[in-house]
N, C-alpha and C. Protein backbone atom coordinates (compact mmCIF):
# COMPACT_ATOMS: atom_id res chain seq x y z
N MET A 1 4.95 -12.92 30.59
CA MET A 1 3.90 -13.08 31.60
C MET A 1 3.59 -14.57 31.74
N THR A 2 3.76 -15.11 32.94
CA THR A 2 3.53 -16.54 33.18
C THR A 2 2.61 -16.71 34.37
N THR A 3 1.80 -17.75 34.31
CA THR A 3 0.93 -18.15 35.43
C THR A 3 0.99 -19.66 35.53
N THR A 4 0.34 -20.20 36.55
CA THR A 4 0.36 -21.64 36.75
C THR A 4 -0.55 -22.35 35.76
N TYR A 5 -1.79 -21.85 35.62
CA TYR A 5 -2.75 -22.44 34.70
C TYR A 5 -3.28 -21.36 33.76
N PRO A 6 -3.70 -21.74 32.58
CA PRO A 6 -4.27 -20.74 31.67
C PRO A 6 -5.54 -20.14 32.24
N ALA A 7 -5.66 -18.79 32.15
CA ALA A 7 -6.85 -18.08 32.61
C ALA A 7 -7.75 -17.80 31.42
N ALA A 8 -9.05 -18.01 31.61
CA ALA A 8 -9.98 -17.91 30.48
C ALA A 8 -10.14 -16.48 30.00
N LEU A 9 -10.25 -15.50 30.91
CA LEU A 9 -10.52 -14.12 30.49
C LEU A 9 -9.37 -13.51 29.68
N PRO A 10 -8.12 -13.59 30.12
CA PRO A 10 -7.04 -13.05 29.26
C PRO A 10 -6.95 -13.75 27.91
N LEU A 11 -7.22 -15.06 27.90
CA LEU A 11 -7.18 -15.76 26.62
C LEU A 11 -8.26 -15.28 25.67
N LEU A 12 -9.48 -15.11 26.19
CA LEU A 12 -10.56 -14.63 25.34
C LEU A 12 -10.28 -13.23 24.81
N LEU A 13 -9.82 -12.32 25.68
CA LEU A 13 -9.51 -10.97 25.23
C LEU A 13 -8.40 -10.97 24.18
N GLY A 14 -7.37 -11.77 24.40
CA GLY A 14 -6.29 -11.84 23.43
C GLY A 14 -6.72 -12.42 22.10
N ILE A 15 -7.58 -13.44 22.14
CA ILE A 15 -8.07 -14.05 20.88
C ILE A 15 -8.90 -13.05 20.08
N VAL A 16 -9.80 -12.33 20.76
CA VAL A 16 -10.64 -11.36 20.05
C VAL A 16 -9.79 -10.23 19.48
N ALA A 17 -8.84 -9.72 20.27
CA ALA A 17 -8.00 -8.63 19.79
C ALA A 17 -7.14 -9.06 18.60
N ALA A 18 -6.58 -10.25 18.66
CA ALA A 18 -5.74 -10.74 17.57
C ALA A 18 -6.56 -10.96 16.30
N ALA A 19 -7.78 -11.50 16.45
CA ALA A 19 -8.62 -11.75 15.28
C ALA A 19 -9.05 -10.44 14.61
N VAL A 20 -9.46 -9.45 15.43
CA VAL A 20 -9.86 -8.17 14.86
C VAL A 20 -8.68 -7.48 14.17
N THR A 21 -7.50 -7.55 14.80
CA THR A 21 -6.31 -6.95 14.19
C THR A 21 -5.96 -7.61 12.86
N ALA A 22 -6.03 -8.94 12.82
CA ALA A 22 -5.72 -9.65 11.58
C ALA A 22 -6.69 -9.28 10.46
N LEU A 23 -7.99 -9.21 10.78
CA LEU A 23 -8.97 -8.85 9.75
C LEU A 23 -8.75 -7.44 9.25
N GLY A 24 -8.47 -6.52 10.17
CA GLY A 24 -8.23 -5.14 9.75
C GLY A 24 -6.99 -4.99 8.87
N LEU A 25 -5.93 -5.69 9.22
CA LEU A 25 -4.71 -5.61 8.41
C LEU A 25 -4.89 -6.25 7.04
N VAL A 26 -5.64 -7.36 6.98
CA VAL A 26 -5.91 -7.98 5.68
C VAL A 26 -6.75 -7.04 4.81
N GLY A 27 -7.76 -6.40 5.42
CA GLY A 27 -8.59 -5.47 4.67
C GLY A 27 -7.83 -4.25 4.18
N TYR A 28 -6.74 -3.89 4.85
CA TYR A 28 -5.93 -2.76 4.40
C TYR A 28 -4.83 -3.19 3.43
N GLY A 29 -4.28 -4.38 3.63
CA GLY A 29 -3.10 -4.80 2.86
C GLY A 29 -3.38 -5.03 1.40
N PHE A 30 -4.41 -5.80 1.07
CA PHE A 30 -4.67 -6.11 -0.33
C PHE A 30 -5.04 -4.88 -1.15
N PRO A 31 -5.92 -3.98 -0.68
CA PRO A 31 -6.15 -2.76 -1.47
C PRO A 31 -4.90 -1.90 -1.63
N ALA A 32 -4.03 -1.85 -0.59
CA ALA A 32 -2.81 -1.06 -0.71
C ALA A 32 -1.89 -1.61 -1.80
N ILE A 33 -1.78 -2.94 -1.87
CA ILE A 33 -0.97 -3.54 -2.94
C ILE A 33 -1.60 -3.26 -4.30
N GLY A 34 -2.94 -3.29 -4.38
CA GLY A 34 -3.60 -2.97 -5.64
C GLY A 34 -3.36 -1.54 -6.09
N ARG A 35 -3.17 -0.60 -5.15
CA ARG A 35 -2.87 0.78 -5.51
C ARG A 35 -1.40 1.01 -5.82
N GLY A 36 -0.57 -0.02 -5.65
CA GLY A 36 0.85 0.13 -5.94
C GLY A 36 1.72 0.34 -4.73
N ALA A 37 1.14 0.44 -3.53
CA ALA A 37 1.92 0.61 -2.30
C ALA A 37 2.30 -0.77 -1.78
N VAL A 38 3.31 -1.37 -2.41
CA VAL A 38 3.67 -2.75 -2.09
C VAL A 38 4.25 -2.85 -0.69
N ALA A 39 5.07 -1.90 -0.28
CA ALA A 39 5.69 -1.96 1.05
C ALA A 39 4.64 -1.87 2.15
N ARG A 40 3.71 -0.94 2.01
CA ARG A 40 2.66 -0.82 3.04
C ARG A 40 1.76 -2.04 3.05
N GLY A 41 1.37 -2.51 1.87
CA GLY A 41 0.51 -3.69 1.82
C GLY A 41 1.21 -4.92 2.36
N GLY A 42 2.49 -5.11 2.03
CA GLY A 42 3.24 -6.25 2.56
C GLY A 42 3.41 -6.19 4.06
N ALA A 43 3.64 -4.99 4.59
CA ALA A 43 3.74 -4.85 6.05
C ALA A 43 2.42 -5.22 6.73
N ALA A 44 1.31 -4.78 6.14
CA ALA A 44 0.01 -5.10 6.74
C ALA A 44 -0.27 -6.60 6.69
N LEU A 45 0.02 -7.24 5.57
CA LEU A 45 -0.25 -8.68 5.47
C LEU A 45 0.67 -9.49 6.37
N SER A 46 1.93 -9.08 6.51
CA SER A 46 2.83 -9.77 7.43
C SER A 46 2.36 -9.62 8.87
N GLY A 47 1.90 -8.43 9.22
CA GLY A 47 1.34 -8.24 10.56
C GLY A 47 0.09 -9.07 10.79
N ALA A 48 -0.74 -9.21 9.74
CA ALA A 48 -1.94 -10.03 9.88
C ALA A 48 -1.58 -11.50 10.11
N LEU A 49 -0.55 -11.98 9.41
CA LEU A 49 -0.13 -13.37 9.62
C LEU A 49 0.43 -13.59 11.02
N ALA A 50 1.17 -12.60 11.53
CA ALA A 50 1.66 -12.70 12.90
C ALA A 50 0.52 -12.70 13.91
N ALA A 51 -0.50 -11.88 13.66
CA ALA A 51 -1.65 -11.86 14.55
C ALA A 51 -2.42 -13.18 14.52
N LEU A 52 -2.55 -13.79 13.35
CA LEU A 52 -3.22 -15.09 13.26
C LEU A 52 -2.44 -16.18 13.99
N ALA A 53 -1.11 -16.15 13.87
CA ALA A 53 -0.31 -17.12 14.59
C ALA A 53 -0.45 -16.95 16.10
N TYR A 54 -0.52 -15.70 16.54
CA TYR A 54 -0.71 -15.44 17.97
C TYR A 54 -2.08 -15.93 18.45
N ALA A 55 -3.12 -15.68 17.65
CA ALA A 55 -4.45 -16.15 18.02
C ALA A 55 -4.50 -17.67 18.07
N TRP A 56 -3.83 -18.33 17.14
CA TRP A 56 -3.78 -19.79 17.15
C TRP A 56 -3.12 -20.31 18.43
N GLY A 57 -2.05 -19.67 18.84
CA GLY A 57 -1.40 -20.09 20.08
C GLY A 57 -2.29 -19.89 21.30
N LEU A 58 -3.02 -18.77 21.33
CA LEU A 58 -3.92 -18.54 22.48
C LEU A 58 -5.05 -19.55 22.50
N VAL A 59 -5.57 -19.91 21.33
CA VAL A 59 -6.64 -20.92 21.28
C VAL A 59 -6.12 -22.26 21.79
N SER A 60 -4.87 -22.57 21.48
CA SER A 60 -4.29 -23.83 21.96
C SER A 60 -4.13 -23.86 23.47
N LEU A 61 -4.02 -22.69 24.11
CA LEU A 61 -3.87 -22.62 25.56
C LEU A 61 -5.21 -22.61 26.29
N PHE A 62 -6.32 -22.58 25.53
CA PHE A 62 -7.62 -22.49 26.19
C PHE A 62 -7.97 -23.85 26.79
N LEU A 63 -7.36 -24.14 27.93
CA LEU A 63 -7.52 -25.44 28.60
C LEU A 63 -7.77 -25.22 30.09
N ASP A 64 -8.48 -26.15 30.68
CA ASP A 64 -8.64 -26.11 32.13
C ASP A 64 -7.52 -26.93 32.78
N GLU A 65 -7.63 -27.17 34.08
CA GLU A 65 -6.56 -27.88 34.79
C GLU A 65 -6.39 -29.30 34.26
N SER A 66 -7.50 -30.00 34.06
CA SER A 66 -7.40 -31.37 33.56
C SER A 66 -6.86 -31.38 32.12
N GLY A 67 -7.26 -30.39 31.32
CA GLY A 67 -6.75 -30.32 29.96
C GLY A 67 -5.27 -30.01 29.92
N THR A 68 -4.79 -29.21 30.89
CA THR A 68 -3.36 -28.90 30.95
C THR A 68 -2.55 -30.16 31.24
N ALA A 69 -3.01 -30.95 32.18
CA ALA A 69 -2.31 -32.20 32.48
C ALA A 69 -2.34 -33.15 31.30
N GLN A 70 -3.48 -33.22 30.61
CA GLN A 70 -3.57 -34.09 29.44
C GLN A 70 -2.64 -33.62 28.33
N ALA A 71 -2.50 -32.30 28.17
CA ALA A 71 -1.61 -31.78 27.14
C ALA A 71 -0.16 -32.15 27.44
N CYS A 72 0.25 -32.09 28.72
CA CYS A 72 1.63 -32.48 29.07
C CYS A 72 1.84 -33.98 28.86
N GLN A 73 0.82 -34.77 29.14
CA GLN A 73 0.94 -36.21 28.93
C GLN A 73 1.03 -36.53 27.45
N ASP A 74 0.24 -35.85 26.63
CA ASP A 74 0.27 -36.11 25.19
C ASP A 74 1.59 -35.66 24.57
N ALA A 75 2.17 -34.59 25.09
CA ALA A 75 3.42 -34.09 24.52
C ALA A 75 4.58 -35.03 24.77
N SER A 76 4.65 -35.64 25.97
CA SER A 76 5.77 -36.56 26.28
C SER A 76 5.29 -37.56 27.33
N PRO A 77 4.76 -38.71 26.90
CA PRO A 77 4.27 -39.69 27.88
C PRO A 77 5.38 -40.24 28.78
N SER A 78 6.59 -40.30 28.29
CA SER A 78 7.67 -40.84 29.12
C SER A 78 8.08 -39.89 30.23
N LEU A 79 7.94 -38.60 30.02
CA LEU A 79 8.33 -37.62 31.04
C LEU A 79 7.16 -37.12 31.87
N TYR A 80 5.97 -37.53 31.54
CA TYR A 80 4.81 -36.99 32.25
C TYR A 80 4.82 -37.38 33.73
N GLY A 81 5.38 -38.55 34.05
CA GLY A 81 5.41 -38.95 35.46
C GLY A 81 6.30 -38.08 36.31
N GLN A 82 7.20 -37.31 35.70
CA GLN A 82 8.09 -36.43 36.45
C GLN A 82 7.60 -34.99 36.52
N VAL A 83 6.44 -34.72 35.90
CA VAL A 83 5.92 -33.35 35.89
C VAL A 83 5.40 -32.99 37.26
N GLY A 84 5.91 -31.89 37.81
CA GLY A 84 5.43 -31.45 39.11
C GLY A 84 4.69 -30.13 39.08
N ASP A 85 4.81 -29.35 38.01
CA ASP A 85 4.16 -28.03 37.95
C ASP A 85 3.98 -27.63 36.49
N TYR A 86 3.21 -26.55 36.27
CA TYR A 86 2.93 -26.05 34.94
C TYR A 86 3.24 -24.55 34.90
N SER A 87 3.58 -24.08 33.74
CA SER A 87 3.85 -22.66 33.55
C SER A 87 3.26 -22.23 32.21
N VAL A 88 2.48 -21.14 32.24
CA VAL A 88 1.79 -20.65 31.05
C VAL A 88 2.33 -19.27 30.70
N SER A 89 2.66 -19.08 29.44
CA SER A 89 3.09 -17.77 28.95
C SER A 89 2.11 -17.31 27.88
N TYR A 90 1.70 -16.02 27.97
CA TYR A 90 0.75 -15.46 27.01
C TYR A 90 1.45 -14.73 25.86
N LEU A 91 2.70 -14.36 26.02
CA LEU A 91 3.45 -13.69 24.96
C LEU A 91 4.91 -14.10 25.03
N PRO A 92 5.35 -15.01 24.20
CA PRO A 92 4.57 -15.76 23.20
C PRO A 92 3.74 -16.85 23.87
N PRO A 93 2.68 -17.32 23.23
CA PRO A 93 1.85 -18.37 23.84
C PRO A 93 2.65 -19.66 24.02
N ALA A 94 2.66 -20.16 25.23
CA ALA A 94 3.42 -21.40 25.50
C ALA A 94 2.89 -22.03 26.78
N LEU A 95 2.95 -23.35 26.82
CA LEU A 95 2.62 -24.13 28.02
C LEU A 95 3.84 -24.99 28.33
N ASN A 96 4.46 -24.74 29.45
CA ASN A 96 5.67 -25.45 29.86
C ASN A 96 5.33 -26.44 30.97
N CYS A 97 5.70 -27.68 30.76
CA CYS A 97 5.51 -28.72 31.77
C CYS A 97 6.83 -28.87 32.55
N ARG A 98 6.83 -28.47 33.80
CA ARG A 98 8.05 -28.46 34.59
C ARG A 98 8.25 -29.83 35.26
N LEU A 99 9.49 -30.26 35.20
CA LEU A 99 9.84 -31.56 35.80
C LEU A 99 10.32 -31.35 37.24
N SER A 100 10.08 -32.37 38.06
CA SER A 100 10.52 -32.29 39.46
C SER A 100 12.04 -32.27 39.58
N SER A 101 12.72 -32.91 38.68
CA SER A 101 14.19 -32.96 38.70
C SER A 101 14.83 -31.73 38.07
N GLY A 102 14.04 -30.80 37.60
CA GLY A 102 14.54 -29.61 36.91
C GLY A 102 14.34 -29.70 35.41
N GLY A 103 14.19 -28.57 34.78
CA GLY A 103 13.93 -28.54 33.34
C GLY A 103 12.44 -28.53 33.04
N SER A 104 12.11 -28.45 31.79
CA SER A 104 10.71 -28.41 31.36
C SER A 104 10.65 -28.75 29.87
N TYR A 105 9.46 -28.99 29.39
CA TYR A 105 9.21 -29.19 27.96
C TYR A 105 7.87 -28.55 27.62
N GLU A 106 7.74 -28.18 26.35
CA GLU A 106 6.55 -27.48 25.90
C GLU A 106 5.46 -28.45 25.50
N ALA A 107 4.21 -27.98 25.65
CA ALA A 107 3.04 -28.79 25.30
C ALA A 107 1.94 -27.87 24.81
N ALA A 108 0.92 -28.48 24.21
CA ALA A 108 -0.32 -27.81 23.77
C ALA A 108 -0.10 -26.91 22.56
N VAL A 109 0.81 -25.97 22.63
CA VAL A 109 1.03 -25.00 21.56
C VAL A 109 1.98 -25.60 20.53
N PRO A 110 1.64 -25.61 19.23
CA PRO A 110 2.57 -26.12 18.21
C PRO A 110 3.89 -25.35 18.25
N GLY A 111 4.97 -26.07 18.08
CA GLY A 111 6.28 -25.45 18.21
C GLY A 111 6.64 -24.47 17.11
N PHE A 112 5.98 -24.52 15.94
CA PHE A 112 6.34 -23.62 14.84
C PHE A 112 5.66 -22.26 14.94
N LEU A 113 4.69 -22.10 15.86
CA LEU A 113 3.96 -20.83 15.90
C LEU A 113 4.84 -19.67 16.36
N THR A 114 5.66 -19.90 17.36
CA THR A 114 6.52 -18.81 17.85
C THR A 114 7.52 -18.35 16.80
N PRO A 115 8.24 -19.25 16.09
CA PRO A 115 9.12 -18.76 15.01
C PRO A 115 8.38 -18.04 13.89
N VAL A 116 7.20 -18.55 13.52
CA VAL A 116 6.43 -17.89 12.47
C VAL A 116 6.01 -16.49 12.90
N MET A 117 5.56 -16.37 14.14
CA MET A 117 5.13 -15.07 14.65
C MET A 117 6.31 -14.10 14.70
N THR A 118 7.48 -14.57 15.09
CA THR A 118 8.65 -13.71 15.18
C THR A 118 9.10 -13.23 13.81
N VAL A 119 9.17 -14.16 12.85
CA VAL A 119 9.63 -13.80 11.50
C VAL A 119 8.65 -12.82 10.85
N CYS A 120 7.35 -13.08 10.99
CA CYS A 120 6.36 -12.19 10.39
C CYS A 120 6.41 -10.79 11.02
N THR A 121 6.64 -10.72 12.31
CA THR A 121 6.75 -9.42 12.97
C THR A 121 7.95 -8.64 12.47
N VAL A 122 9.09 -9.33 12.32
CA VAL A 122 10.29 -8.65 11.80
C VAL A 122 10.07 -8.16 10.38
N ILE A 123 9.44 -8.98 9.54
CA ILE A 123 9.17 -8.56 8.16
C ILE A 123 8.21 -7.37 8.13
N ALA A 124 7.19 -7.41 8.97
CA ALA A 124 6.22 -6.30 8.99
C ALA A 124 6.88 -5.00 9.42
N VAL A 125 7.74 -5.05 10.42
CA VAL A 125 8.42 -3.82 10.87
C VAL A 125 9.37 -3.30 9.79
N THR A 126 10.10 -4.21 9.14
CA THR A 126 11.02 -3.79 8.08
C THR A 126 10.29 -3.13 6.92
N LEU A 127 9.20 -3.75 6.47
CA LEU A 127 8.45 -3.16 5.36
C LEU A 127 7.78 -1.85 5.76
N ALA A 128 7.36 -1.74 7.02
CA ALA A 128 6.77 -0.48 7.48
C ALA A 128 7.80 0.64 7.45
N LEU A 129 9.04 0.35 7.86
CA LEU A 129 10.09 1.37 7.79
C LEU A 129 10.39 1.76 6.35
N ILE A 130 10.39 0.79 5.44
CA ILE A 130 10.60 1.11 4.03
C ILE A 130 9.47 1.99 3.49
N ALA A 131 8.23 1.67 3.89
CA ALA A 131 7.10 2.48 3.44
C ALA A 131 7.19 3.91 3.97
N VAL A 132 7.63 4.08 5.22
CA VAL A 132 7.78 5.43 5.77
C VAL A 132 8.87 6.20 5.02
N ALA A 133 9.99 5.52 4.70
CA ALA A 133 11.05 6.18 3.95
C ALA A 133 10.57 6.59 2.56
N GLU A 134 9.81 5.73 1.89
CA GLU A 134 9.28 6.08 0.57
C GLU A 134 8.31 7.26 0.65
N HIS A 135 7.51 7.30 1.70
CA HIS A 135 6.56 8.41 1.85
C HIS A 135 7.30 9.73 2.04
N HIS A 136 8.34 9.75 2.86
CA HIS A 136 9.10 10.98 3.07
C HIS A 136 9.83 11.40 1.80
N ARG A 137 10.30 10.44 1.01
CA ARG A 137 11.00 10.79 -0.22
C ARG A 137 10.05 11.38 -1.25
N THR A 138 8.86 10.82 -1.36
CA THR A 138 7.90 11.35 -2.35
C THR A 138 7.24 12.64 -1.88
N ALA A 139 7.15 12.84 -0.56
CA ALA A 139 6.53 14.06 -0.05
C ALA A 139 7.49 15.22 0.02
N ARG A 140 8.78 15.03 -0.31
CA ARG A 140 9.75 16.12 -0.29
C ARG A 140 9.40 17.13 -1.37
N PRO A 141 9.37 18.46 -1.04
CA PRO A 141 8.98 19.46 -2.04
C PRO A 141 9.97 19.51 -3.19
N ARG A 142 9.45 19.58 -4.40
CA ARG A 142 10.27 19.65 -5.60
C ARG A 142 10.72 21.08 -5.86
N PRO A 143 11.90 21.29 -6.46
CA PRO A 143 12.34 22.67 -6.77
C PRO A 143 11.42 23.32 -7.79
N GLU A 144 11.14 24.58 -7.54
CA GLU A 144 10.23 25.32 -8.42
C GLU A 144 10.96 25.71 -9.70
N HIS A 145 10.30 25.55 -10.83
CA HIS A 145 10.84 25.94 -12.12
C HIS A 145 10.26 27.28 -12.53
N PRO A 146 11.05 28.13 -13.20
CA PRO A 146 10.50 29.43 -13.63
C PRO A 146 9.35 29.24 -14.61
N ALA A 147 8.36 30.06 -14.44
CA ALA A 147 7.17 29.96 -15.29
C ALA A 147 7.51 30.36 -16.72
N THR A 148 6.95 29.65 -17.66
CA THR A 148 7.17 29.95 -19.08
C THR A 148 6.35 31.17 -19.47
N PRO A 149 6.98 32.18 -20.05
CA PRO A 149 6.21 33.38 -20.42
C PRO A 149 5.15 33.07 -21.45
N ARG A 150 4.03 33.77 -21.32
CA ARG A 150 2.94 33.56 -22.26
C ARG A 150 3.27 34.17 -23.61
N ARG A 151 2.55 33.73 -24.63
CA ARG A 151 2.76 34.27 -25.97
C ARG A 151 2.37 35.74 -25.98
N GLY A 152 3.21 36.52 -26.61
CA GLY A 152 2.95 37.95 -26.67
C GLY A 152 3.65 38.74 -25.58
N THR A 153 4.28 38.09 -24.62
CA THR A 153 5.00 38.76 -23.56
C THR A 153 6.47 38.43 -23.68
N HIS A 154 7.30 39.26 -23.07
CA HIS A 154 8.74 39.08 -23.12
C HIS A 154 9.25 38.86 -21.72
N GLU A 155 10.20 37.97 -21.60
CA GLU A 155 10.78 37.67 -20.30
C GLU A 155 11.66 38.83 -19.87
N ARG A 156 11.49 39.32 -18.69
CA ARG A 156 12.22 40.48 -18.19
C ARG A 156 13.51 40.03 -17.54
N HIS A 157 14.58 40.72 -17.85
CA HIS A 157 15.86 40.45 -17.20
C HIS A 157 15.80 40.91 -15.75
N PRO A 158 16.42 40.17 -14.82
CA PRO A 158 16.31 40.59 -13.40
C PRO A 158 16.85 41.98 -13.14
N GLY A 159 17.83 42.46 -13.94
CA GLY A 159 18.41 43.78 -13.67
C GLY A 159 17.69 44.92 -14.32
N LEU A 160 16.68 44.66 -15.16
CA LEU A 160 15.99 45.71 -15.90
C LEU A 160 14.66 46.01 -15.25
N PRO A 161 14.19 47.28 -15.36
CA PRO A 161 12.87 47.61 -14.79
C PRO A 161 11.75 46.97 -15.58
N ALA A 162 10.65 46.76 -14.92
CA ALA A 162 9.50 46.12 -15.56
C ALA A 162 8.85 47.07 -16.54
N VAL A 163 8.44 46.58 -17.67
CA VAL A 163 7.76 47.37 -18.69
C VAL A 163 6.26 47.26 -18.45
N PRO A 164 5.58 48.39 -18.23
CA PRO A 164 4.12 48.30 -17.98
C PRO A 164 3.38 47.80 -19.21
N GLN A 165 2.42 46.96 -18.99
CA GLN A 165 1.60 46.42 -20.06
C GLN A 165 0.29 47.21 -20.13
N ARG A 166 -0.01 47.74 -21.33
CA ARG A 166 -1.24 48.53 -21.49
C ARG A 166 -2.41 47.60 -21.80
N SER A 167 -3.52 47.90 -21.19
CA SER A 167 -4.73 47.14 -21.45
C SER A 167 -5.39 47.63 -22.73
N PRO A 168 -6.29 46.84 -23.32
CA PRO A 168 -7.00 47.31 -24.54
C PRO A 168 -7.76 48.60 -24.32
N ALA A 169 -8.34 48.81 -23.14
CA ALA A 169 -9.07 50.05 -22.88
C ALA A 169 -8.12 51.24 -22.89
N ALA A 170 -6.90 51.06 -22.31
CA ALA A 170 -5.93 52.16 -22.32
C ALA A 170 -5.48 52.49 -23.73
N CYS A 171 -5.33 51.47 -24.56
CA CYS A 171 -4.96 51.71 -25.96
C CYS A 171 -6.04 52.49 -26.69
N ARG A 172 -7.31 52.15 -26.45
CA ARG A 172 -8.40 52.89 -27.10
C ARG A 172 -8.43 54.34 -26.65
N ARG A 173 -8.25 54.60 -25.34
CA ARG A 173 -8.22 55.98 -24.86
C ARG A 173 -7.06 56.75 -25.48
N ARG A 174 -5.92 56.08 -25.65
CA ARG A 174 -4.77 56.75 -26.26
C ARG A 174 -5.06 57.11 -27.71
N ARG A 175 -5.75 56.23 -28.46
CA ARG A 175 -6.07 56.54 -29.85
C ARG A 175 -7.05 57.69 -29.95
N ARG A 176 -8.07 57.72 -29.04
CA ARG A 176 -9.02 58.84 -29.05
C ARG A 176 -8.34 60.15 -28.72
N ARG A 177 -7.37 60.11 -27.78
CA ARG A 177 -6.68 61.33 -27.37
C ARG A 177 -5.82 61.90 -28.48
N HIS A 178 -5.31 61.05 -29.35
CA HIS A 178 -4.46 61.50 -30.46
C HIS A 178 -5.22 61.56 -31.77
N GLY A 179 -6.50 61.75 -31.71
CA GLY A 179 -7.28 61.97 -32.92
C GLY A 179 -7.68 60.72 -33.65
N GLY A 180 -7.63 59.58 -33.01
CA GLY A 180 -8.07 58.36 -33.65
C GLY A 180 -7.03 57.67 -34.46
N ALA A 181 -5.84 58.27 -34.65
CA ALA A 181 -4.79 57.62 -35.45
C ALA A 181 -4.08 56.61 -34.58
N PRO A 182 -3.79 55.47 -35.09
CA PRO A 182 -3.12 54.46 -34.27
C PRO A 182 -1.69 54.87 -34.00
N ALA A 183 -1.22 54.52 -32.83
CA ALA A 183 0.15 54.83 -32.44
C ALA A 183 1.08 53.81 -33.06
N LEU A 184 1.98 54.29 -33.92
CA LEU A 184 2.91 53.40 -34.60
C LEU A 184 4.25 53.52 -33.89
N ALA A 185 4.37 52.80 -32.80
CA ALA A 185 5.61 52.86 -32.05
C ALA A 185 6.69 52.15 -32.82
N GLY A 186 7.85 52.78 -32.89
CA GLY A 186 8.96 52.15 -33.56
C GLY A 186 9.02 52.43 -35.04
N ALA A 187 8.12 53.28 -35.61
CA ALA A 187 8.19 53.60 -37.03
C ALA A 187 9.43 54.43 -37.32
N GLY A 188 10.06 54.17 -38.45
CA GLY A 188 11.34 54.81 -38.71
C GLY A 188 11.24 56.19 -39.35
N LEU A 189 10.11 56.59 -40.01
CA LEU A 189 10.01 57.85 -40.74
C LEU A 189 9.43 58.93 -39.85
N PRO A 190 10.03 60.14 -39.83
CA PRO A 190 9.47 61.21 -38.99
C PRO A 190 8.07 61.61 -39.40
N GLY A 191 7.81 61.61 -40.71
CA GLY A 191 6.48 62.00 -41.14
C GLY A 191 5.42 61.04 -40.68
N VAL A 192 5.73 59.76 -40.67
CA VAL A 192 4.77 58.77 -40.19
C VAL A 192 4.48 58.98 -38.73
N ARG A 193 5.51 59.33 -37.97
CA ARG A 193 5.26 59.55 -36.54
C ARG A 193 4.40 60.78 -36.32
N ARG A 194 4.61 61.84 -37.13
CA ARG A 194 3.78 63.03 -36.97
C ARG A 194 2.33 62.76 -37.34
N ARG A 195 2.10 62.03 -38.45
CA ARG A 195 0.72 61.69 -38.81
C ARG A 195 0.08 60.80 -37.76
N ALA A 196 0.84 59.87 -37.20
CA ALA A 196 0.28 59.00 -36.16
C ALA A 196 -0.11 59.78 -34.93
N ALA A 197 0.60 60.88 -34.65
CA ALA A 197 0.27 61.70 -33.47
C ALA A 197 -0.82 62.71 -33.75
N GLY A 198 -1.36 62.70 -34.94
CA GLY A 198 -2.45 63.63 -35.25
C GLY A 198 -1.99 65.00 -35.70
N LEU A 199 -0.70 65.15 -36.05
CA LEU A 199 -0.18 66.45 -36.49
C LEU A 199 -0.33 66.58 -38.00
N ARG A 200 -0.55 67.77 -38.45
CA ARG A 200 -0.70 68.03 -39.88
C ARG A 200 0.63 68.49 -40.42
N LEU A 201 1.02 67.99 -41.58
CA LEU A 201 2.27 68.38 -42.21
C LEU A 201 2.14 69.78 -42.81
N PRO A 202 3.19 70.56 -42.76
CA PRO A 202 3.12 71.91 -43.41
C PRO A 202 3.01 71.78 -44.93
N GLN A 203 2.17 72.65 -45.50
CA GLN A 203 1.95 72.63 -46.93
C GLN A 203 3.05 73.42 -47.65
N GLY A 204 3.70 72.79 -48.59
CA GLY A 204 4.73 73.48 -49.35
C GLY A 204 4.18 74.19 -50.59
N ARG A 205 5.00 74.96 -51.24
CA ARG A 205 4.57 75.69 -52.44
C ARG A 205 4.50 74.72 -53.61
N PRO A 206 3.40 74.69 -54.32
CA PRO A 206 3.27 73.76 -55.44
C PRO A 206 4.22 74.12 -56.56
N ARG A 207 4.75 73.11 -57.14
CA ARG A 207 5.63 73.31 -58.27
C ARG A 207 4.81 73.53 -59.55
N GLY A 208 5.30 74.34 -60.45
CA GLY A 208 4.61 74.61 -61.73
C GLY A 208 5.20 75.83 -62.42
N ARG A 209 4.36 76.44 -63.24
CA ARG A 209 4.82 77.61 -63.96
C ARG A 209 4.86 78.79 -63.05
N ARG A 210 5.90 79.62 -63.23
CA ARG A 210 6.01 80.81 -62.42
C ARG A 210 5.04 81.88 -62.90
N THR A 211 4.53 82.59 -61.96
CA THR A 211 3.69 83.72 -62.29
C THR A 211 4.52 84.97 -62.47
N GLY A 212 3.93 86.00 -62.77
CA GLY A 212 4.69 87.22 -62.96
C GLY A 212 5.08 87.91 -61.69
N ARG A 213 4.60 87.41 -60.59
CA ARG A 213 4.89 88.06 -59.34
C ARG A 213 6.24 87.60 -58.82
N GLY A 214 6.87 88.51 -58.19
CA GLY A 214 8.11 88.19 -57.52
C GLY A 214 9.27 88.25 -58.45
N PRO A 215 10.44 88.11 -57.92
CA PRO A 215 11.64 88.18 -58.72
C PRO A 215 11.80 86.97 -59.62
């Protein structure tokens, strides 16, 4: 965007916008680096430096018609007599003094601001892309691991049916139903299993002296 002379309103709007952007990026960049997000913080600080360089260039262009002529004279006194026109650029900020014989030279705006602004913008974009890549990599869902069985439980094989787990209340009802004897699951002796189920063993004939009865 070029005009003949610098306009005050676009310059003021650009200066305010660049200053607010730089302050906001600085306020975000340093805390981000403190939290360990170096890529995001570096991108913000690089963008803030680019915004400050842009604001500096716009401030240098804040000149009226007489100031524009003086800036061209100060930049090159030997060529000032050949200046026939002026050209102002707002992005990047530049004031070009056009010669009547053709060609031009820059004035008012320091020559290092445009390279600094370009390099800082490239660094900010690169670090922002790195930060986005890191965010997507860390936000990727992790594979689920099988839950560790709790103590007292057994891991079930996928091909086997599930074994129902009895609650303490169910165990108490089972003991009351079988006469209060505890259920000894897995006991190896038949008599133990019968006593656990509440059954009475048959009484055998006591051994001792024979009586006179019977053969």
